[in-house]
Amino acid sequence: MSETGLEHSQVDVVQSSGDEAEIRFVTSKRSGYVARAHRNPLAIGGFAVPLSPKLVTWTGVFPGVASPKVRVVDIGSGYGGLLLYLATRVAPDCCVLGLEIRTAVWQQAHQKLLELRSTCGAYRRVAFLHTNAQRYLWNYIERASLDALIFAYPDPHFKRKKHRQRIISRTLLPLYAYLLRRGGRIYTSTDVEALYEWMHDRFEESALFVRKCRLIERHGKSRYNPNRVPESKPIEDSDEASIQFFKNDPYAAAVRDWTDEGRRVSRVQGDKFLLVYEKV
């Protein structure tokens, strides 16, 4: 049983027979952990979830925090780099929650967090849960309670038949608006231009959100187009209002640059695309 009183599925075991075993898993560089590269977000089973947000005991999730209230949620939090970075930078009354669908990845993020909690009290305002946020986010979070929802470097699901699995969609945006307070914001970043355009179009179609920031940083080199020659300086293909918003907003730079994936993109001089939309 976990701190929340919810059971979590165990790490899947790779089974093989013969010389031509099917490769279904990717071994993480983090020693001792084996993680799937992807997991189907449309799958229903494998998780124990509360029937209602009112049944979640947040004092068990955020030990030592009096009357904790989740105000920021990172969907697909991965190894937790973003929330661990934000832990000492958010307001003292702000609890931040990461939701991760991959079992082994969640286990490592949670273990790292437990170690950090013993060194600094700020990390008690951070927690990671193992669940399928695309299906069960609304079982944890109450209506109009969030300041921010973060989708940092989500799975692009390149194949057309898998586009329905994308975390930003016409179906899901009204549900995210249901969880955000008026003026609450959605932050999303990616290094895949096709996915950026897809998400931008979905937001622009929605009457529930207004754009606050659209920042495009091109370095001329990308994992998806490695033959491009890097420019001497990044090209900021953005309007002045977006640039000013980026400089002043407490989360925008962290979502773009301080996730585990964001730092990897910086190392390889990849392009970065940031979108921020506010609930009207």
Protein backbone atom coordinates (compact mmCIF):
# COMPACT_ATOMS: atom_id res chain seq x y z
CA MET A 1 0.00 0.00 0.00
CA SER A 2 1.22 3.54 -0.74
CA GLU A 3 1.12 6.64 1.44
CA THR A 4 -2.28 7.50 -0.03
CA GLY A 5 -3.77 4.15 0.93
CA LEU A 6 -4.05 3.19 -2.74
CA GLU A 7 -2.52 0.08 -4.20
CA HIS A 8 -0.17 0.40 -7.14
CA SER A 9 0.63 -2.22 -9.74
CA GLN A 10 4.05 -3.83 -9.71
CA VAL A 11 6.75 -3.38 -12.33
CA ASP A 12 6.13 -5.64 -15.31
CA VAL A 13 8.66 -8.41 -15.92
CA VAL A 14 10.21 -8.97 -19.35
CA GLN A 15 9.56 -12.50 -20.52
CA SER A 16 11.36 -13.96 -23.52
CA SER A 17 11.77 -17.30 -25.19
CA GLY A 18 14.22 -18.28 -27.91
CA ASP A 19 16.56 -15.99 -29.77
CA GLU A 20 13.89 -13.75 -31.26
CA ALA A 21 12.21 -12.38 -28.16
CA GLU A 22 9.81 -9.50 -28.62
CA ILE A 23 11.30 -6.26 -27.26
CA ARG A 24 8.55 -4.62 -25.22
CA PHE A 25 10.52 -2.61 -22.70
CA VAL A 26 13.27 -0.01 -22.61
CA THR A 27 15.88 -0.08 -19.88
CA SER A 28 16.32 3.27 -18.22
CA LYS A 29 19.82 4.69 -17.76
CA ARG A 30 18.90 5.08 -14.12
CA SER A 31 20.33 1.94 -12.57
CA GLY A 32 17.94 -0.68 -11.24
CA TYR A 33 14.81 0.57 -13.02
CA VAL A 34 13.15 -0.88 -16.10
CA ALA A 35 10.49 1.28 -17.72
CA ARG A 36 8.19 1.03 -20.67
CA ALA A 37 8.89 3.60 -23.36
CA HIS A 38 5.13 4.18 -23.62
CA ARG A 39 1.94 3.08 -21.94
CA ASN A 40 -1.54 3.31 -23.42
CA PRO A 41 -3.34 6.24 -21.73
CA LEU A 42 -6.71 4.87 -22.89
CA ALA A 43 -6.29 1.72 -20.81
CA ILE A 44 -8.71 1.45 -17.90
CA GLY A 45 -7.22 -1.20 -15.61
CA GLY A 46 -4.14 -1.41 -13.44
CA PHE A 47 -4.91 1.41 -10.99
CA ALA A 48 -6.85 1.80 -7.76
CA VAL A 49 -8.41 5.26 -7.68
CA PRO A 50 -10.69 7.15 -5.28
CA LEU A 51 -14.33 7.48 -6.29
CA SER A 52 -14.28 11.21 -5.56
CA PRO A 53 -11.73 13.95 -4.78
CA LYS A 54 -13.41 14.33 -1.39
CA LEU A 55 -12.20 10.83 -0.47
CA VAL A 56 -8.51 11.63 -1.00
CA THR A 57 -6.59 12.17 2.25
CA TRP A 58 -4.03 14.75 1.19
CA THR A 59 -2.43 14.91 4.64
CA GLY A 60 -1.04 11.44 3.95
CA VAL A 61 0.30 12.51 0.57
CA PHE A 62 1.90 15.71 1.89
CA PRO A 63 3.12 14.75 5.39
CA GLY A 64 3.83 17.62 7.73
CA VAL A 65 1.77 20.13 5.71
CA ALA A 66 -1.20 21.59 7.55
CA SER A 67 -4.43 21.47 5.48
CA PRO A 68 -2.66 20.79 2.15
CA LYS A 69 -4.38 21.98 -1.02
CA VAL A 70 -3.11 20.95 -4.46
CA ARG A 71 -2.77 24.03 -6.65
CA VAL A 72 -0.37 22.83 -9.37
CA VAL A 73 -0.52 19.47 -11.18
CA ASP A 74 2.14 18.15 -13.56
CA ILE A 75 0.65 15.54 -15.91
CA GLY A 76 3.23 12.96 -16.96
CA SER A 77 5.73 14.11 -14.35
CA GLY A 78 8.34 11.52 -15.38
CA TYR A 79 11.36 11.38 -13.07
CA GLY A 80 10.13 14.49 -11.28
CA GLY A 81 12.77 17.01 -12.31
CA LEU A 82 10.32 19.86 -12.84
CA LEU A 83 8.48 19.59 -9.52
CA LEU A 84 11.69 19.07 -7.56
CA TYR A 85 12.98 22.26 -9.18
CA LEU A 86 9.79 24.13 -8.28
CA ALA A 87 9.65 22.80 -4.71
CA THR A 88 11.75 25.62 -3.23
CA ARG A 89 10.37 28.28 -5.58
CA VAL A 90 6.59 28.10 -5.14
CA ALA A 91 4.59 29.90 -2.46
CA PRO A 92 4.62 28.28 1.02
CA ASP A 93 0.90 27.49 0.79
CA CYS A 94 1.18 25.82 -2.64
CA CYS A 95 1.25 22.02 -2.93
CA VAL A 96 2.36 20.57 -6.26
CA LEU A 97 1.38 17.10 -7.48
CA GLY A 98 2.95 14.97 -10.22
CA LEU A 99 0.99 12.19 -11.91
CA GLU A 100 2.86 9.47 -13.81
CA ILE A 101 1.46 6.44 -15.65
CA ARG A 102 4.67 4.36 -15.89
CA THR A 103 5.25 2.29 -12.77
CA ALA A 104 9.05 2.18 -12.68
CA VAL A 105 9.39 5.88 -13.50
CA TRP A 106 6.97 6.81 -10.72
CA GLN A 107 8.84 4.57 -8.28
CA GLN A 108 12.14 6.32 -8.89
CA ALA A 109 10.66 9.82 -8.66
CA HIS A 110 8.90 8.90 -5.41
CA GLN A 111 12.06 7.38 -3.94
CA LYS A 112 14.12 10.46 -4.80
CA LEU A 113 11.46 12.65 -3.20
CA LEU A 114 11.53 10.66 0.05
CA GLU A 115 15.30 11.19 0.25
CA LEU A 116 14.97 14.94 -0.35
CA ARG A 117 12.22 15.35 2.25
CA SER A 118 14.72 14.41 4.93
CA THR A 119 16.98 17.30 3.89
CA CYS A 120 14.51 20.14 3.25
CA GLY A 121 10.97 20.77 4.47
CA ALA A 122 9.97 22.42 1.16
CA TYR A 123 9.87 19.00 -0.49
CA ARG A 124 6.97 18.00 1.76
CA ARG A 125 4.80 20.19 -0.47
CA VAL A 126 5.62 17.93 -3.45
CA ALA A 127 4.15 14.48 -4.14
CA PHE A 128 4.04 11.95 -6.98
CA LEU A 129 1.16 9.55 -7.61
CA HIS A 130 1.05 6.55 -9.93
CA THR A 131 -2.11 6.78 -12.02
CA ASN A 132 -3.53 7.32 -15.49
CA ALA A 133 -4.23 11.06 -15.45
CA GLN A 134 -5.94 11.02 -18.82
CA ARG A 135 -8.71 8.88 -17.29
CA TYR A 136 -8.58 9.52 -13.55
CA LEU A 137 -7.40 13.09 -12.99
CA TRP A 138 -10.95 14.10 -12.06
CA ASN A 139 -11.04 11.44 -9.32
CA TYR A 140 -8.30 13.36 -7.48
CA ILE A 141 -8.81 17.09 -8.18
CA GLU A 142 -11.84 19.18 -7.24
CA ARG A 143 -13.59 21.62 -9.52
CA ALA A 144 -12.01 25.09 -9.97
CA SER A 145 -9.21 24.34 -7.51
CA LEU A 146 -6.04 24.57 -9.63
CA ASP A 147 -3.78 27.49 -10.45
CA ALA A 148 -1.87 25.57 -13.10
CA LEU A 149 -1.92 22.38 -15.15
CA ILE A 150 1.41 21.41 -16.72
CA PHE A 151 1.97 19.19 -19.76
CA ALA A 152 5.72 19.26 -20.32
CA TYR A 153 7.04 17.41 -23.38
CA PRO A 154 4.07 15.02 -23.72
CA ASP A 155 4.17 11.91 -25.88
CA PRO A 156 3.66 13.12 -29.49
CA HIS A 157 1.91 9.92 -30.65
CA PHE A 158 3.08 10.46 -34.21
CA LYS A 159 0.83 7.95 -35.99
CA ARG A 160 -2.52 9.39 -37.07
CA LYS A 161 -4.43 6.49 -35.54
CA LYS A 162 -2.87 7.36 -32.16
CA HIS A 163 -3.75 11.07 -32.22
CA ARG A 164 -6.75 10.32 -30.02
CA GLN A 165 -4.26 9.42 -27.27
CA ARG A 166 -2.74 12.90 -27.23
CA ILE A 167 -3.12 14.61 -23.88
CA ILE A 168 -4.29 17.92 -25.45
CA SER A 169 -7.47 17.37 -27.45
CA ARG A 170 -10.92 18.82 -28.14
CA THR A 171 -12.42 16.30 -25.72
CA LEU A 172 -10.06 16.93 -22.82
CA LEU A 173 -9.75 20.72 -22.87
CA PRO A 174 -13.24 21.34 -21.38
CA LEU A 175 -12.41 18.87 -18.62
CA TYR A 176 -9.17 20.68 -17.81
CA ALA A 177 -11.10 23.96 -17.70
CA TYR A 178 -13.43 22.34 -15.15
CA LEU A 179 -10.47 21.84 -12.78
CA LEU A 180 -8.88 25.27 -13.21
CA ARG A 181 -10.00 28.33 -11.30
CA ARG A 182 -10.86 31.43 -13.35
CA GLY A 183 -7.50 32.80 -14.43
CA GLY A 184 -5.82 29.40 -13.98
CA ARG A 185 -3.38 28.44 -16.70
CA ILE A 186 -2.32 25.48 -18.82
CA TYR A 187 1.39 25.25 -19.62
CA THR A 188 2.60 22.92 -22.35
CA SER A 189 6.00 22.54 -23.99
CA THR A 190 7.41 20.26 -26.68
CA ASP A 191 10.33 19.84 -29.05
CA VAL A 192 8.09 18.43 -31.81
CA GLU A 193 6.82 21.17 -34.11
CA ALA A 194 3.96 19.07 -35.53
CA LEU A 195 2.66 18.44 -32.00
CA TYR A 196 3.05 22.12 -31.14
CA GLU A 197 0.91 23.08 -34.12
CA TRP A 198 -1.68 20.45 -33.16
CA MET A 199 -1.94 21.75 -29.58
CA HIS A 200 -1.99 25.38 -30.70
CA ASP A 201 -4.90 24.67 -33.06
CA ARG A 202 -6.87 22.84 -30.35
CA PHE A 203 -6.48 25.73 -27.92
CA GLU A 204 -7.38 28.33 -30.54
CA GLU A 205 -10.58 26.42 -31.34
CA SER A 206 -11.67 26.48 -27.70
CA ALA A 207 -13.71 29.36 -26.29
CA LEU A 208 -12.64 28.41 -22.76
CA PHE A 209 -9.05 29.65 -23.01
CA VAL A 210 -7.21 32.76 -24.11
CA ARG A 211 -3.58 32.69 -25.21
CA LYS A 212 -1.02 34.31 -22.92
CA CYS A 213 2.24 33.08 -24.42
CA ARG A 214 3.45 31.43 -27.60
CA LEU A 215 7.23 31.14 -27.53
CA ILE A 216 9.23 29.43 -30.27
CA GLU A 217 12.96 28.97 -29.78
CA ARG A 218 14.79 27.59 -32.79
CA HIS A 219 18.38 26.46 -32.48
CA GLY A 220 18.46 25.01 -35.97
CA LYS A 221 19.04 21.44 -34.78
CA SER A 222 16.50 18.86 -33.70
CA ARG A 223 16.24 15.18 -32.90
CA TYR A 224 13.53 15.06 -35.58
CA ASN A 225 15.56 16.95 -38.15
CA PRO A 226 19.27 16.32 -37.31
CA ASN A 227 20.57 17.59 -40.66
CA ARG A 228 19.76 21.21 -39.91
CA VAL A 229 22.78 23.39 -39.17
CA PRO A 230 22.69 25.14 -35.77
CA GLU A 231 22.44 28.90 -35.83
CA SER A 232 24.95 31.01 -33.91
CA LYS A 233 22.10 32.30 -31.74
CA PRO A 234 18.59 31.07 -30.99
CA ILE A 235 15.86 32.59 -33.15
CA GLU A 236 12.92 33.81 -31.09
CA ASP A 237 9.88 33.52 -33.38
CA SER A 238 7.49 35.12 -30.89
CA ASP A 239 5.63 38.37 -30.26
CA GLU A 240 6.84 40.87 -27.67
CA ALA A 241 3.92 40.18 -25.32
CA SER A 242 4.82 36.48 -25.19
CA ILE A 243 8.45 37.26 -24.46
CA GLN A 244 7.51 39.61 -21.61
CA PHE A 245 5.09 37.04 -20.20
CA PHE A 246 7.82 34.41 -20.31
CA LYS A 247 10.20 36.65 -18.36
CA ASN A 248 7.67 37.45 -15.62
CA ASP A 249 5.68 34.22 -15.20
CA PRO A 250 6.81 31.94 -12.32
CA TYR A 251 6.28 28.67 -14.22
CA ALA A 252 6.91 29.30 -17.93
CA ALA A 253 10.71 29.02 -17.94
CA ALA A 254 10.63 26.00 -15.64
CA VAL A 255 8.15 24.15 -17.88
CA ARG A 256 10.25 24.80 -20.98
CA ASP A 257 13.77 24.35 -19.61
CA TRP A 258 13.83 22.57 -16.25
CA THR A 259 12.12 19.27 -16.87
CA ASP A 260 14.32 16.21 -17.43
CA GLU A 261 13.31 16.23 -21.10
CA GLY A 262 13.78 19.98 -21.42
CA ARG A 263 17.37 19.72 -20.23
CA ARG A 264 17.99 16.91 -22.71
CA VAL A 265 16.66 19.09 -25.54
CA SER A 266 18.98 21.90 -24.44
CA ARG A 267 21.97 19.57 -24.51
CA VAL A 268 21.30 18.51 -28.11
CA GLN A 269 20.42 22.07 -29.19
CA GLY A 270 16.89 21.09 -30.11
CA ASP A 271 14.00 23.41 -30.91
CA LYS A 272 11.58 24.28 -28.10
CA PHE A 273 7.95 25.32 -28.31
CA LEU A 274 6.00 26.74 -25.37
CA LEU A 275 2.28 27.50 -25.10
CA VAL A 276 0.47 29.07 -22.14
CA TYR A 277 -3.32 29.51 -22.12
CA GLU A 278 -5.49 31.04 -19.41
CA LYS A 279 -9.02 30.00 -18.48
CA VAL A 280 -11.47 32.82 -19.17
